[in-house]
């Protein structure tokens, strides 16, 4: 049975990737530099509205691990994520994997961005 991946050529069966980064690049659908990029994960939902995850099976150990696409995008295009830091999409699209839309923040900065400052909350009440 043939499977299709958006605008790609059809493939049959399982494709084995040497690394999780190779699989990420296979699933990546790049747009223009300023546009949101997305993953071709085959769901019937807008892939920019949900966190994108994908699994990769290590051919050496036969173990399967699930990866967060935004973290892999940052590793591939920018570098290692600093310890105790988090990644935030500046475009506010949870599924965006464009490295130009990814900002490294602390947990408290992320909390403030999504929930507002405590002072703003008390003023709204």
PDB file of N, CA and C in Angstrom:
ATOM      1  N   UNK A   1       0.843  -1.181   0.000  1.00  0.00           N
ATOM      2  CA  UNK A   1       0.000   0.000   0.000  1.00  0.00           C
ATOM      3  C   UNK A   1       0.889   1.246   0.000  1.00  0.00           C
ATOM      4  N   UNK A   2       0.576   2.201  -0.832  1.00  0.00           N
ATOM      5  CA  UNK A   2       1.362   3.429  -0.942  1.00  0.00           C
ATOM      6  C   UNK A   2       0.951   4.429   0.124  1.00  0.00           C
ATOM      7  N   UNK A   3       1.925   5.139   0.660  1.00  0.00           N
ATOM      8  CA  UNK A   3       1.673   6.217   1.603  1.00  0.00           C
ATOM      9  C   UNK A   3       2.168   7.504   0.965  1.00  0.00           C
ATOM     10  N   UNK A   4       1.500   8.609   1.274  1.00  0.00           N
ATOM     11  CA  UNK A   4       1.895   9.891   0.708  1.00  0.00           C
ATOM     12  C   UNK A   4       2.248  10.860   1.800  1.00  0.00           C
ATOM     13  N   UNK A   5       3.223  11.681   1.559  1.00  0.00           N
ATOM     14  CA  UNK A   5       3.628  12.726   2.488  1.00  0.00           C
ATOM     15  C   UNK A   5       3.513  14.045   1.753  1.00  0.00           C
ATOM     16  N   UNK A   6       2.473  14.766   1.956  1.00  0.00           N
ATOM     17  CA  UNK A   6       2.171  16.072   1.345  1.00  0.00           C
ATOM     18  C   UNK A   6       2.641  16.151  -0.101  1.00  0.00           C
ATOM     19  N   UNK A   7       3.632  16.969  -0.408  1.00  0.00           N
ATOM     20  CA  UNK A   7       4.081  17.169  -1.787  1.00  0.00           C
ATOM     21  C   UNK A   7       5.273  16.290  -2.147  1.00  0.00           C
ATOM     22  N   UNK A   8       5.489  15.250  -1.406  1.00  0.00           N
ATOM     23  CA  UNK A   8       6.651  14.394  -1.650  1.00  0.00           C
ATOM     24  C   UNK A   8       6.281  13.197  -2.507  1.00  0.00           C
ATOM     25  N   UNK A   9       7.314  12.548  -3.000  1.00  0.00           N
ATOM     26  CA  UNK A   9       7.113  11.323  -3.766  1.00  0.00           C
ATOM     27  C   UNK A   9       6.601  10.234  -2.829  1.00  0.00           C
ATOM     28  N   UNK A  10       5.844   9.272  -3.350  1.00  0.00           N
ATOM     29  CA  UNK A  10       5.345   8.201  -2.493  1.00  0.00           C
ATOM     30  C   UNK A  10       6.485   7.295  -2.038  1.00  0.00           C
ATOM     31  N   UNK A  11       6.286   6.690  -0.893  1.00  0.00           N
ATOM     32  CA  UNK A  11       7.254   5.713  -0.415  1.00  0.00           C
ATOM     33  C   UNK A  11       6.487   4.523   0.135  1.00  0.00           C
ATOM     34  N   UNK A  12       7.144   3.390   0.169  1.00  0.00           N
ATOM     35  CA  UNK A  12       6.512   2.180   0.654  1.00  0.00           C
ATOM     36  C   UNK A  12       7.200   1.721   1.918  1.00  0.00           C
ATOM     37  N   UNK A  13       6.381   1.265   2.860  1.00  0.00           N
ATOM     38  CA  UNK A  13       6.927   0.664   4.067  1.00  0.00           C
ATOM     39  C   UNK A  13       7.663   1.640   4.959  1.00  0.00           C
ATOM     40  N   UNK A  14       8.565   1.093   5.718  1.00  0.00           N
ATOM     41  CA  UNK A  14       9.316   1.829   6.728  1.00  0.00           C
ATOM     42  C   UNK A  14      10.588   2.403   6.113  1.00  0.00           C
ATOM     43  N   UNK A  15      10.894   3.643   6.452  1.00  0.00           N
ATOM     44  CA  UNK A  15      12.160   4.243   6.054  1.00  0.00           C
ATOM     45  C   UNK A  15      13.028   4.292   7.299  1.00  0.00           C
ATOM     46  N   UNK A  16      14.214   3.778   7.204  1.00  0.00           N
ATOM     47  CA  UNK A  16      15.128   3.788   8.342  1.00  0.00           C
ATOM     48  C   UNK A  16      16.056   4.992   8.236  1.00  0.00           C
ATOM     49  N   UNK A  17      16.131   5.741   9.323  1.00  0.00           N
ATOM     50  CA  UNK A  17      16.974   6.925   9.364  1.00  0.00           C
ATOM     51  C   UNK A  17      18.141   6.657  10.312  1.00  0.00           C
ATOM     52  N   UNK A  18      19.311   7.157   9.947  1.00  0.00           N
ATOM     53  CA  UNK A  18      20.504   6.952  10.771  1.00  0.00           C
ATOM     54  C   UNK A  18      20.433   7.726  12.079  1.00  0.00           C
ATOM     55  N   UNK A  19      19.722   8.868  12.084  1.00  0.00           N
ATOM     56  CA  UNK A  19      19.614   9.657  13.307  1.00  0.00           C
ATOM     57  C   UNK A  19      18.249  10.325  13.367  1.00  0.00           C
ATOM     58  N   UNK A  20      17.891  10.770  14.554  1.00  0.00           N
ATOM     59  CA  UNK A  20      16.619  11.476  14.710  1.00  0.00           C
ATOM     60  C   UNK A  20      16.640  12.806  13.951  1.00  0.00           C
ATOM     61  N   UNK A  21      17.833  13.382  13.780  1.00  0.00           N
ATOM     62  CA  UNK A  21      17.943  14.633  13.020  1.00  0.00           C
ATOM     63  C   UNK A  21      17.677  14.390  11.536  1.00  0.00           C
ATOM     64  N   UNK A  22      18.083  13.222  11.025  1.00  0.00           N
ATOM     65  CA  UNK A  22      17.781  12.875   9.636  1.00  0.00           C
ATOM     66  C   UNK A  22      16.273  12.741   9.439  1.00  0.00           C
ATOM     67  N   UNK A  23      15.600  12.111  10.395  1.00  0.00           N
ATOM     68  CA  UNK A  23      14.152  11.962  10.282  1.00  0.00           C
ATOM     69  C   UNK A  23      13.473  13.325  10.366  1.00  0.00           C
ATOM     70  N   UNK A  24      13.960  14.196  11.255  1.00  0.00           N
ATOM     71  CA  UNK A  24      13.417  15.542  11.359  1.00  0.00           C
ATOM     72  C   UNK A  24      13.500  16.253  10.005  1.00  0.00           C
ATOM     73  N   UNK A  25      14.648  16.194   9.358  1.00  0.00           N
ATOM     74  CA  UNK A  25      14.828  16.873   8.082  1.00  0.00           C
ATOM     75  C   UNK A  25      13.913  16.288   7.008  1.00  0.00           C
ATOM     76  N   UNK A  26      13.630  14.992   7.080  1.00  0.00           N
ATOM     77  CA  UNK A  26      12.718  14.354   6.131  1.00  0.00           C
ATOM     78  C   UNK A  26      11.292  14.882   6.330  1.00  0.00           C
ATOM     79  N   UNK A  27      10.888  15.075   7.578  1.00  0.00           N
ATOM     80  CA  UNK A  27       9.527  15.509   7.886  1.00  0.00           C
ATOM     81  C   UNK A  27       9.327  17.022   7.783  1.00  0.00           C
ATOM     82  N   UNK A  28      10.417  17.783   7.744  1.00  0.00           N
ATOM     83  CA  UNK A  28      10.345  19.237   7.744  1.00  0.00           C
ATOM     84  C   UNK A  28       9.803  19.778   6.425  1.00  0.00           C
ATOM     85  N   UNK A  29       8.869  20.710   6.540  1.00  0.00           N
ATOM     86  CA  UNK A  29       8.373  21.442   5.377  1.00  0.00           C
ATOM     87  C   UNK A  29       8.731  22.902   5.608  1.00  0.00           C
ATOM     88  N   UNK A  30       9.756  23.353   4.912  1.00  0.00           N
ATOM     89  CA  UNK A  30      10.240  24.726   5.078  1.00  0.00           C
ATOM     90  C   UNK A  30       9.393  25.677   4.256  1.00  0.00           C
ATOM     91  N   UNK A  31       9.187  26.850   4.825  1.00  0.00           N
ATOM     92  CA  UNK A  31       8.586  27.938   4.083  1.00  0.00           C
ATOM     93  C   UNK A  31       9.660  28.973   3.820  1.00  0.00           C
ATOM     94  N   UNK A  32       9.233  30.189   3.555  1.00  0.00           N
ATOM     95  CA  UNK A  32      10.187  31.280   3.420  1.00  0.00           C
ATOM     96  C   UNK A  32      10.808  31.544   4.789  1.00  0.00           C
ATOM     97  N   UNK A  33      11.906  32.304   4.819  1.00  0.00           N
ATOM     98  CA  UNK A  33      12.609  32.539   6.082  1.00  0.00           C
ATOM     99  C   UNK A  33      11.738  33.166   7.154  1.00  0.00           C
ATOM    100  N   UNK A  34      10.808  34.038   6.767  1.00  0.00           N
ATOM    101  CA  UNK A  34       9.980  34.721   7.760  1.00  0.00           C
ATOM    102  C   UNK A  34       8.666  33.995   8.048  1.00  0.00           C
ATOM    103  N   UNK A  35       8.383  32.924   7.323  1.00  0.00           N
ATOM    104  CA  UNK A  35       7.150  32.157   7.526  1.00  0.00           C
ATOM    105  C   UNK A  35       7.351  31.080   8.592  1.00  0.00           C
ATOM    106  N   UNK A  36       6.236  30.594   9.116  1.00  0.00           N
ATOM    107  CA  UNK A  36       6.303  29.443  10.012  1.00  0.00           C
ATOM    108  C   UNK A  36       6.629  28.194   9.200  1.00  0.00           C
ATOM    109  N   UNK A  37       7.485  27.352   9.746  1.00  0.00           N
ATOM    110  CA  UNK A  37       7.781  26.066   9.143  1.00  0.00           C
ATOM    111  C   UNK A  37       7.012  25.023   9.922  1.00  0.00           C
ATOM    112  N   UNK A  38       6.678  23.925   9.263  1.00  0.00           N
ATOM    113  CA  UNK A  38       5.897  22.896   9.938  1.00  0.00           C
ATOM    114  C   UNK A  38       6.467  21.510   9.642  1.00  0.00           C
ATOM    115  N   UNK A  39       5.901  20.556  10.346  1.00  0.00           N
ATOM    116  CA  UNK A  39       6.308  19.173  10.157  1.00  0.00           C
ATOM    117  C   UNK A  39       5.219  18.434   9.389  1.00  0.00           C
ATOM    118  N   UNK A  40       5.611  17.541   8.519  1.00  0.00           N
ATOM    119  CA  UNK A  40       4.669  16.691   7.803  1.00  0.00           C
ATOM    120  C   UNK A  40       4.452  15.440   8.651  1.00  0.00           C
ATOM    121  N   UNK A  41       3.516  15.540   9.582  1.00  0.00           N
ATOM    122  CA  UNK A  41       3.305  14.441  10.524  1.00  0.00           C
ATOM    123  C   UNK A  41       2.038  13.656  10.228  1.00  0.00           C
ATOM    124  N   UNK A  42       1.351  14.000   9.138  1.00  0.00           N
ATOM    125  CA  UNK A  42       0.229  13.205   8.664  1.00  0.00           C
ATOM    126  C   UNK A  42      -1.026  13.273   9.512  1.00  0.00           C
ATOM    127  N   UNK A  43      -1.194  14.327  10.284  1.00  0.00           N
ATOM    128  CA  UNK A  43      -2.409  14.460  11.078  1.00  0.00           C
ATOM    129  C   UNK A  43      -3.415  15.327  10.341  1.00  0.00           C
ATOM    130  N   UNK A  44      -4.685  15.137  10.640  1.00  0.00           N
ATOM    131  CA  UNK A  44      -5.733  15.933  10.020  1.00  0.00           C
ATOM    132  C   UNK A  44      -6.032  17.183  10.837  1.00  0.00           C
ATOM    133  N   UNK A  45      -5.004  17.755  11.413  1.00  0.00           N
ATOM    134  CA  UNK A  45      -5.136  18.993  12.172  1.00  0.00           C
ATOM    135  C   UNK A  45      -4.109  19.976  11.641  1.00  0.00           C
ATOM    136  N   UNK A  46      -4.281  21.241  11.959  1.00  0.00           N
ATOM    137  CA  UNK A  46      -3.283  22.224  11.553  1.00  0.00           C
ATOM    138  C   UNK A  46      -2.020  21.970  12.363  1.00  0.00           C
ATOM    139  N   UNK A  47      -0.921  21.571  11.707  1.00  0.00           N
ATOM    140  CA  UNK A  47       0.297  21.222  12.457  1.00  0.00           C
ATOM    141  C   UNK A  47       0.946  22.406  13.153  1.00  0.00           C
ATOM    142  N   UNK A  48       0.488  23.626  12.885  1.00  0.00           N
ATOM    143  CA  UNK A  48       1.048  24.777  13.575  1.00  0.00           C
ATOM    144  C   UNK A  48       0.324  25.055  14.886  1.00  0.00           C
ATOM    145  N   UNK A  49      -0.841  24.449  15.086  1.00  0.00           N
ATOM    146  CA  UNK A  49      -1.633  24.709  16.287  1.00  0.00           C
ATOM    147  C   UNK A  49      -1.342  23.734  17.427  1.00  0.00           C
ATOM    148  N   UNK A  50      -0.597  22.703  17.170  1.00  0.00           N
ATOM    149  CA  UNK A  50      -0.279  21.695  18.187  1.00  0.00           C
ATOM    150  C   UNK A  50       1.224  21.492  18.251  1.00  0.00           C
ATOM    151  N   UNK A  51       1.706  21.070  19.425  1.00  0.00           N
ATOM    152  CA  UNK A  51       3.113  20.700  19.540  1.00  0.00           C
ATOM    153  C   UNK A  51       3.378  19.523  18.615  1.00  0.00           C
ATOM    154  N   UNK A  52       4.468  19.563  17.901  1.00  0.00           N
ATOM    155  CA  UNK A  52       4.832  18.467  17.005  1.00  0.00           C
ATOM    156  C   UNK A  52       5.854  17.574  17.681  1.00  0.00           C
ATOM    157  N   UNK A  53       5.546  16.295  17.680  1.00  0.00           N
ATOM    158  CA  UNK A  53       6.445  15.273  18.201  1.00  0.00           C
ATOM    159  C   UNK A  53       6.643  14.241  17.101  1.00  0.00           C
ATOM    160  N   UNK A  54       7.753  13.569  17.143  1.00  0.00           N
ATOM    161  CA  UNK A  54       7.942  12.446  16.242  1.00  0.00           C
ATOM    162  C   UNK A  54       8.815  11.418  16.943  1.00  0.00           C
ATOM    163  N   UNK A  55       8.662  10.180  16.536  1.00  0.00           N
ATOM    164  CA  UNK A  55       9.427   9.085  17.137  1.00  0.00           C
ATOM    165  C   UNK A  55      10.500   8.624  16.173  1.00  0.00           C
ATOM    166  N   UNK A  56      11.591   8.171  16.728  1.00  0.00           N
ATOM    167  CA  UNK A  56      12.690   7.627  15.934  1.00  0.00           C
ATOM    168  C   UNK A  56      13.211   6.380  16.625  1.00  0.00           C
ATOM    169  N   UNK A  57      13.394   5.337  15.849  1.00  0.00           N
ATOM    170  CA  UNK A  57      13.926   4.073  16.362  1.00  0.00           C
ATOM    171  C   UNK A  57      15.400   3.984  16.026  1.00  0.00           C
ATOM    172  N   UNK A  58      16.210   3.883  17.052  1.00  0.00           N
ATOM    173  CA  UNK A  58      17.662   3.780  16.881  1.00  0.00           C
ATOM    174  C   UNK A  58      17.981   2.406  16.301  1.00  0.00           C
ATOM    175  N   UNK A  59      18.566   2.360  15.098  1.00  0.00           N
ATOM    176  CA  UNK A  59      18.846   1.054  14.484  1.00  0.00           C
ATOM    177  C   UNK A  59      19.890   0.230  15.235  1.00  0.00           C
ATOM    178  N   UNK A  60      20.722   0.891  16.040  1.00  0.00           N
ATOM    179  CA  UNK A  60      21.756   0.163  16.772  1.00  0.00           C
ATOM    180  C   UNK A  60      21.208  -0.510  18.019  1.00  0.00           C
ATOM    181  N   UNK A  61      20.322   0.184  18.725  1.00  0.00           N
ATOM    182  CA  UNK A  61      19.808  -0.354  19.992  1.00  0.00           C
ATOM    183  C   UNK A  61      18.370  -0.845  19.894  1.00  0.00           C
ATOM    184  N   UNK A  62      17.693  -0.544  18.791  1.00  0.00           N
ATOM    185  CA  UNK A  62      16.280  -0.882  18.581  1.00  0.00           C
ATOM    186  C   UNK A  62      15.351  -0.200  19.573  1.00  0.00           C
ATOM    187  N   UNK A  63      15.829   0.830  20.250  1.00  0.00           N
ATOM    188  CA  UNK A  63      14.986   1.577  21.180  1.00  0.00           C
ATOM    189  C   UNK A  63      14.338   2.746  20.437  1.00  0.00           C
ATOM    190  N   UNK A  64      13.089   3.025  20.793  1.00  0.00           N
ATOM    191  CA  UNK A  64      12.356   4.130  20.186  1.00  0.00           C
ATOM    192  C   UNK A  64      12.234   5.265  21.191  1.00  0.00           C
ATOM    193  N   UNK A  65      12.454   6.478  20.714  1.00  0.00           N
ATOM    194  CA  UNK A  65      12.353   7.651  21.561  1.00  0.00           C
ATOM    195  C   UNK A  65      11.514   8.699  20.838  1.00  0.00           C
ATOM    196  N   UNK A  66      10.752   9.471  21.589  1.00  0.00           N
ATOM    197  CA  UNK A  66       9.952  10.547  21.026  1.00  0.00           C
ATOM    198  C   UNK A  66      10.663  11.872  21.242  1.00  0.00           C
ATOM    199  N   UNK A  67      10.680  12.700  20.213  1.00  0.00           N
ATOM    200  CA  UNK A  67      11.369  13.987  20.238  1.00  0.00           C
ATOM    201  C   UNK A  67      10.378  15.118  20.008  1.00  0.00           C
ATOM    202  N   UNK A  68      10.623  16.259  20.641  1.00  0.00           N
ATOM    203  CA  UNK A  68       9.844  17.469  20.405  1.00  0.00           C
ATOM    204  C   UNK A  68      10.482  18.170  19.205  1.00  0.00           C
ATOM    205  N   UNK A  69       9.694  18.405  18.174  1.00  0.00           N
ATOM    206  CA  UNK A  69      10.228  18.929  16.917  1.00  0.00           C
ATOM    207  C   UNK A  69      10.917  20.282  17.090  1.00  0.00           C
ATOM    208  N   UNK A  70      10.369  21.174  17.919  1.00  0.00           N
ATOM    209  CA  UNK A  70      10.971  22.499  18.095  1.00  0.00           C
ATOM    210  C   UNK A  70      12.380  22.392  18.676  1.00  0.00           C
ATOM    211  N   UNK A  71      12.569  21.468  19.624  1.00  0.00           N
ATOM    212  CA  UNK A  71      13.894  21.285  20.216  1.00  0.00           C
ATOM    213  C   UNK A  71      14.888  20.765  19.186  1.00  0.00           C
ATOM    214  N   UNK A  72      14.445  19.841  18.360  1.00  0.00           N
ATOM    215  CA  UNK A  72      15.330  19.294  17.328  1.00  0.00           C
ATOM    216  C   UNK A  72      15.655  20.375  16.299  1.00  0.00           C
ATOM    217  N   UNK A  73      14.672  21.196  15.940  1.00  0.00           N
ATOM    218  CA  UNK A  73      14.920  22.289  14.989  1.00  0.00           C
ATOM    219  C   UNK A  73      15.996  23.222  15.524  1.00  0.00           C
ATOM    220  N   UNK A  74      15.905  23.547  16.802  1.00  0.00           N
ATOM    221  CA  UNK A  74      16.893  24.441  17.399  1.00  0.00           C
ATOM    222  C   UNK A  74      18.279  23.787  17.366  1.00  0.00           C
ATOM    223  N   UNK A  75      18.349  22.510  17.724  1.00  0.00           N
ATOM    224  CA  UNK A  75      19.629  21.796  17.717  1.00  0.00           C
ATOM    225  C   UNK A  75      20.234  21.741  16.316  1.00  0.00           C
ATOM    226  N   UNK A  76      19.403  21.481  15.314  1.00  0.00           N
ATOM    227  CA  UNK A  76      19.888  21.329  13.942  1.00  0.00           C
ATOM    228  C   UNK A  76      20.366  22.658  13.364  1.00  0.00           C
ATOM    229  N   UNK A  77      19.594  23.715  13.550  1.00  0.00           N
ATOM    230  CA  UNK A  77      19.883  24.980  12.874  1.00  0.00           C
ATOM    231  C   UNK A  77      20.649  25.995  13.709  1.00  0.00           C
ATOM    232  N   UNK A  78      20.597  25.887  15.039  1.00  0.00           N
ATOM    233  CA  UNK A  78      21.239  26.884  15.897  1.00  0.00           C
ATOM    234  C   UNK A  78      22.356  26.267  16.724  1.00  0.00           C
ATOM    235  N   UNK A  79      22.034  25.231  17.481  1.00  0.00           N
ATOM    236  CA  UNK A  79      23.021  24.587  18.341  1.00  0.00           C
ATOM    237  C   UNK A  79      22.359  24.032  19.585  1.00  0.00           C
ATOM    238  N   UNK A  80      23.171  23.714  20.556  1.00  0.00           N
ATOM    239  CA  UNK A  80      22.684  23.101  21.787  1.00  0.00           C
ATOM    240  C   UNK A  80      21.825  24.081  22.590  1.00  0.00           C
ATOM    241  N   UNK A  81      20.780  23.555  23.187  1.00  0.00           N
ATOM    242  CA  UNK A  81      19.910  24.362  24.039  1.00  0.00           C
ATOM    243  C   UNK A  81      20.625  24.549  25.374  1.00  0.00           C
ATOM    244  N   UNK A  82      20.769  25.794  25.823  1.00  0.00           N
ATOM    245  CA  UNK A  82      21.459  26.017  27.097  1.00  0.00           C
ATOM    246  C   UNK A  82      20.738  25.311  28.247  1.00  0.00           C
ATOM    247  N   UNK A  83      21.488  24.834  29.247  1.00  0.00           N
ATOM    248  CA  UNK A  83      20.876  24.133  30.381  1.00  0.00           C
ATOM    249  C   UNK A  83      19.847  25.019  31.098  1.00  0.00           C
ATOM    250  N   UNK A  84      18.771  24.391  31.554  1.00  0.00           N
ATOM    251  CA  UNK A  84      17.692  25.032  32.307  1.00  0.00           C
ATOM    252  C   UNK A  84      16.953  26.124  31.529  1.00  0.00           C
ATOM    253  N   UNK A  85      17.097  26.121  30.206  1.00  0.00           N
ATOM    254  CA  UNK A  85      16.402  27.097  29.379  1.00  0.00           C
ATOM    255  C   UNK A  85      15.303  26.390  28.594  1.00  0.00           C
ATOM    256  N   UNK A  86      14.318  27.168  28.164  1.00  0.00           N
ATOM    257  CA  UNK A  86      13.194  26.637  27.412  1.00  0.00           C
ATOM    258  C   UNK A  86      13.101  27.365  26.076  1.00  0.00           C
ATOM    259  N   UNK A  87      12.356  26.768  25.146  1.00  0.00           N
ATOM    260  CA  UNK A  87      12.182  27.367  23.829  1.00  0.00           C
ATOM    261  C   UNK A  87      10.753  27.873  23.680  1.00  0.00           C
ATOM    262  N   UNK A  88      10.630  29.090  23.196  1.00  0.00           N
ATOM    263  CA  UNK A  88       9.318  29.702  23.025  1.00  0.00           C
ATOM    264  C   UNK A  88       9.164  30.148  21.572  1.00  0.00           C
ATOM    265  N   UNK A  89       8.025  29.819  20.942  1.00  0.00           N
ATOM    266  CA  UNK A  89       7.802  30.312  19.588  1.00  0.00           C
ATOM    267  C   UNK A  89       7.353  31.772  19.628  1.00  0.00           C
ATOM    268  N   UNK A  90       8.127  32.661  19.044  1.00  0.00           N
ATOM    269  CA  UNK A  90       7.770  34.084  19.065  1.00  0.00           C
ATOM    270  C   UNK A  90       6.543  34.366  18.211  1.00  0.00           C
ATOM    271  N   UNK A  91       6.217  33.478  17.279  1.00  0.00           N
ATOM    272  CA  UNK A  91       5.048  33.647  16.421  1.00  0.00           C
ATOM    273  C   UNK A  91       3.763  33.168  17.100  1.00  0.00           C
ATOM    274  N   UNK A  92       3.903  32.549  18.274  1.00  0.00           N
ATOM    275  CA  UNK A  92       2.787  32.028  19.072  1.00  0.00           C
ATOM    276  C   UNK A  92       2.099  30.807  18.446  1.00  0.00           C
ATOM    277  N   UNK A  93       2.751  30.180  17.481  1.00  0.00           N
ATOM    278  CA  UNK A  93       2.242  28.939  16.883  1.00  0.00           C
ATOM    279  C   UNK A  93       2.998  27.780  17.517  1.00  0.00           C
ATOM    280  N   UNK A  94       2.296  26.957  18.258  1.00  0.00           N
ATOM    281  CA  UNK A  94       2.946  25.886  19.016  1.00  0.00           C
ATOM    282  C   UNK A  94       3.717  24.909  18.143  1.00  0.00           C
ATOM    283  N   UNK A  95       3.274  24.692  16.918  1.00  0.00           N
ATOM    284  CA  UNK A  95       3.920  23.725  16.047  1.00  0.00           C
ATOM    285  C   UNK A  95       4.982  24.288  15.126  1.00  0.00           C
ATOM    286  N   UNK A  96       5.257  25.579  15.215  1.00  0.00           N
ATOM    287  CA  UNK A  96       6.254  26.196  14.336  1.00  0.00           C
ATOM    288  C   UNK A  96       7.651  25.707  14.707  1.00  0.00           C
ATOM    289  N   UNK A  97       8.417  25.317  13.676  1.00  0.00           N
ATOM    290  CA  UNK A  97       9.784  24.848  13.900  1.00  0.00           C
ATOM    291  C   UNK A  97      10.814  25.709  13.164  1.00  0.00           C
ATOM    292  N   UNK A  98      10.418  26.914  12.741  1.00  0.00           N
ATOM    293  CA  UNK A  98      11.362  27.823  12.104  1.00  0.00           C
ATOM    294  C   UNK A  98      12.303  28.358  13.183  1.00  0.00           C
ATOM    295  N   UNK A  99      13.609  28.122  13.050  1.00  0.00           N
ATOM    296  CA  UNK A  99      14.541  28.558  14.100  1.00  0.00           C
ATOM    297  C   UNK A  99      14.552  30.068  14.308  1.00  0.00           C
ATOM    298  N   UNK A 100      14.142  30.831  13.302  1.00  0.00           N
ATOM    299  CA  UNK A 100      14.083  32.291  13.455  1.00  0.00           C
ATOM    300  C   UNK A 100      12.889  32.712  14.306  1.00  0.00           C
ATOM    301  N   UNK A 101      11.967  31.799  14.532  1.00  0.00           N
ATOM    302  CA  UNK A 101      10.796  32.068  15.369  1.00  0.00           C
ATOM    303  C   UNK A 101      10.954  31.489  16.770  1.00  0.00           C
ATOM    304  N   UNK A 102      12.100  30.908  17.062  1.00  0.00           N
ATOM    305  CA  UNK A 102      12.321  30.251  18.351  1.00  0.00           C
ATOM    306  C   UNK A 102      13.218  31.128  19.223  1.00  0.00           C
ATOM    307  N   UNK A 103      12.730  31.426  20.408  1.00  0.00           N
ATOM    308  CA  UNK A 103      13.477  32.255  21.352  1.00  0.00           C
ATOM    309  C   UNK A 103      13.816  31.421  22.584  1.00  0.00           C
ATOM    310  N   UNK A 104      15.042  31.533  23.056  1.00  0.00           N
ATOM    311  CA  UNK A 104      15.464  30.824  24.263  1.00  0.00           C
ATOM    312  C   UNK A 104      15.103  31.704  25.458  1.00  0.00           C
ATOM    313  N   UNK A 105      14.346  31.140  26.402  1.00  0.00           N
ATOM    314  CA  UNK A 105      13.878  31.901  27.567  1.00  0.00           C
ATOM    315  C   UNK A 105      13.988  31.050  28.830  1.00  0.00           C
ATOM    316  N   UNK A 106      13.898  31.714  29.969  1.00  0.00           N
ATOM    317  CA  UNK A 106      13.821  30.994  31.238  1.00  0.00           C
ATOM    318  C   UNK A 106      12.379  30.561  31.450  1.00  0.00           C
ATOM    319  N   UNK A 107      12.169  29.682  32.396  1.00  0.00           N
ATOM    320  CA  UNK A 107      10.816  29.222  32.708  1.00  0.00           C
ATOM    321  C   UNK A 107       9.928  30.393  33.138  1.00  0.00           C
ATOM    322  N   UNK A 108      10.474  31.313  33.939  1.00  0.00           N
ATOM    323  CA  UNK A 108       9.664  32.444  34.401  1.00  0.00           C
ATOM    324  C   UNK A 108       9.325  33.393  33.250  1.00  0.00           C
ATOM    325  N   UNK A 109      10.244  33.582  32.301  1.00  0.00           N
ATOM    326  CA  UNK A 109       9.947  34.415  31.133  1.00  0.00           C
ATOM    327  C   UNK A 109       8.841  33.791  30.293  1.00  0.00           C
ATOM    328  N   UNK A 110       8.902  32.475  30.140  1.00  0.00           N
ATOM    329  CA  UNK A 110       7.869  31.768  29.387  1.00  0.00           C
ATOM    330  C   UNK A 110       6.524  31.904  30.084  1.00  0.00           C
ATOM    331  N   UNK A 111       6.518  31.750  31.388  1.00  0.00           N
ATOM    332  CA  UNK A 111       5.293  31.875  32.171  1.00  0.00           C
ATOM    333  C   UNK A 111       4.687  33.264  32.004  1.00  0.00           C
ATOM    334  N   UNK A 112       5.523  34.290  32.103  1.00  0.00           N
ATOM    335  CA  UNK A 112       5.042  35.673  31.956  1.00  0.00           C
ATOM    336  C   UNK A 112       4.483  35.915  30.566  1.00  0.00           C
ATOM    337  N   UNK A 113       5.142  35.370  29.553  1.00  0.00           N
ATOM    338  CA  UNK A 113       4.702  35.568  28.173  1.00  0.00           C
ATOM    339  C   UNK A 113       3.314  34.974  27.939  1.00  0.00           C
ATOM    340  N   UNK A 114       3.081  33.784  28.480  1.00  0.00           N
ATOM    341  CA  UNK A 114       1.810  33.115  28.231  1.00  0.00           C
ATOM    342  C   UNK A 114       0.729  33.445  29.247  1.00  0.00           C
ATOM    343  N   UNK A 115       1.095  33.836  30.437  1.00  0.00           N
ATOM    344  CA  UNK A 115       0.099  34.080  31.475  1.00  0.00           C
ATOM    345  C   UNK A 115       0.036  35.530  31.931  1.00  0.00           C
ATOM    346  N   UNK A 116       0.916  36.361  31.435  1.00  0.00           N
ATOM    347  CA  UNK A 116       0.934  37.760  31.828  1.00  0.00           C
ATOM    348  C   UNK A 116       1.662  37.947  33.143  1.00  0.00           C
ATOM    349  N   UNK A 117       2.051  39.143  33.388  1.00  0.00           N
ATOM    350  CA  UNK A 117       2.756  39.502  34.617  1.00  0.00           C
ATOM    351  C   UNK A 117       1.771  39.472  35.777  1.00  0.00           C
ATOM    352  N   UNK A 118       2.223  39.119  36.968  1.00  0.00           N
ATOM    353  CA  UNK A 118       1.359  39.076  38.155  1.00  0.00           C
ATOM    354  C   UNK A 118       0.695  40.421  38.411  1.00  0.00           C
ATOM    355  N   UNK A 119       1.422  41.531  38.183  1.00  0.00           N
ATOM    356  CA  UNK A 119       0.862  42.861  38.395  1.00  0.00           C
ATOM    357  C   UNK A 119      -0.299  43.136  37.436  1.00  0.00           C
ATOM    358  N   UNK A 120      -0.135  42.671  36.188  1.00  0.00           N
ATOM    359  CA  UNK A 120      -1.217  42.843  35.210  1.00  0.00           C
ATOM    360  C   UNK A 120      -2.447  42.045  35.631  1.00  0.00           C
ATOM    361  N   UNK A 121      -2.251  40.843  36.189  1.00  0.00           N
ATOM    362  CA  UNK A 121      -3.381  40.020  36.619  1.00  0.00           C
ATOM    363  C   UNK A 121      -4.156  40.712  37.731  1.00  0.00           C
ATOM    364  N   UNK A 122      -3.456  41.274  38.715  1.00  0.00           N
ATOM    365  CA  UNK A 122      -4.147  41.901  39.829  1.00  0.00           C
ATOM    366  C   UNK A 122      -4.889  43.156  39.374  1.00  0.00           C
ATOM    367  N   UNK A 123      -4.371  43.849  38.350  1.00  0.00           N
ATOM    368  CA  UNK A 123      -5.049  45.040  37.832  1.00  0.00           C
ATOM    369  C   UNK A 123      -6.313  44.665  37.069  1.00  0.00           C
ATOM    370  N   UNK A 124      -6.312  43.490  36.426  1.00  0.00           N
ATOM    371  CA  UNK A 124      -7.471  43.054  35.660  1.00  0.00           C
ATOM    372  C   UNK A 124      -8.581  42.547  36.559  1.00  0.00           C
ATOM    373  N   UNK A 125      -8.239  42.106  37.778  1.00  0.00           N
ATOM    374  CA  UNK A 125      -9.235  41.510  38.690  1.00  0.00           C
ATOM    375  C   UNK A 125     -10.143  42.542  39.287  1.00  0.00           C
TER     376      UNK A 125
END
